[in-house]
Amino acid sequence: MNTYIRKIDSANRLKIPKEIIEFLAIRKGDSIEIFIENKNLILRKFNKEMRN
């Protein structure tokens, strides 16, 4: 597992590293699911088929 350190910019944005974008096959317009679990921020590609 690789570790990436990123700073939050002045507009409170976080840039996701290119390697992660490519690994998860995230494309423009895709949705990202964001939630907290045990005081950890979890980001994952949203898959609506898994929600039904």
Protein backbone atom coordinates (compact mmCIF):
# COMPACT_ATOMS: atom_id res chain seq x y z
CA MET A 1 0.00 0.00 0.00
CA ASN A 2 1.40 3.38 -1.01
CA THR A 3 1.09 6.42 1.20
CA TYR A 4 0.39 9.85 -0.25
CA ILE A 5 0.58 13.11 1.68
CA ARG A 6 -1.43 16.03 0.32
CA LYS A 7 -2.23 19.47 1.74
CA ILE A 8 -5.66 21.05 1.67
CA ASP A 9 -5.54 24.16 -0.54
CA SER A 10 -6.94 27.61 0.27
CA ALA A 11 -10.34 26.59 -1.16
CA ASN A 12 -10.43 23.49 1.12
CA ARG A 13 -9.80 21.13 -1.78
CA LEU A 14 -7.75 17.96 -1.78
CA LYS A 15 -6.05 16.74 -4.96
CA ILE A 16 -6.24 12.98 -5.45
CA PRO A 17 -2.94 11.62 -6.78
CA LYS A 18 -2.88 10.57 -10.43
CA GLU A 19 -1.84 7.02 -9.50
CA ILE A 20 -5.01 6.58 -7.43
CA ILE A 21 -7.22 8.10 -10.14
CA GLU A 22 -5.76 5.67 -12.68
CA PHE A 23 -5.90 2.64 -10.35
CA LEU A 24 -9.59 3.23 -9.57
CA ALA A 25 -10.38 4.19 -13.19
CA ILE A 26 -12.00 7.44 -12.07
CA ARG A 27 -13.21 9.55 -14.98
CA LYS A 28 -14.53 13.09 -15.26
CA GLY A 29 -18.11 13.12 -14.02
CA ASP A 30 -17.71 10.05 -11.76
CA SER A 31 -18.93 10.33 -8.17
CA ILE A 32 -16.78 9.77 -5.10
CA GLU A 33 -18.31 8.42 -1.90
CA ILE A 34 -17.00 10.13 1.25
CA PHE A 35 -17.59 8.90 4.80
CA ILE A 36 -15.99 8.66 8.23
CA GLU A 37 -15.17 5.35 9.89
CA ASN A 38 -13.39 5.14 13.24
CA LYS A 39 -12.16 8.75 12.91
CA ASN A 40 -10.76 8.01 9.44
CA LEU A 41 -11.88 9.77 6.28
CA ILE A 42 -12.71 7.20 3.61
CA LEU A 43 -12.93 8.08 -0.08
CA ARG A 44 -13.97 5.55 -2.71
CA LYS A 45 -15.34 5.53 -6.20
CA PHE A 46 -19.14 5.47 -6.00
CA ASN A 47 -20.76 2.50 -7.69
CA LYS A 48 -24.55 2.84 -7.78
CA GLU A 49 -24.96 -0.79 -8.86
CA MET A 50 -23.55 -1.85 -5.47
CA ARG A 51 -26.14 0.38 -3.70
CA ASN A 52 -29.20 -1.35 -5.18
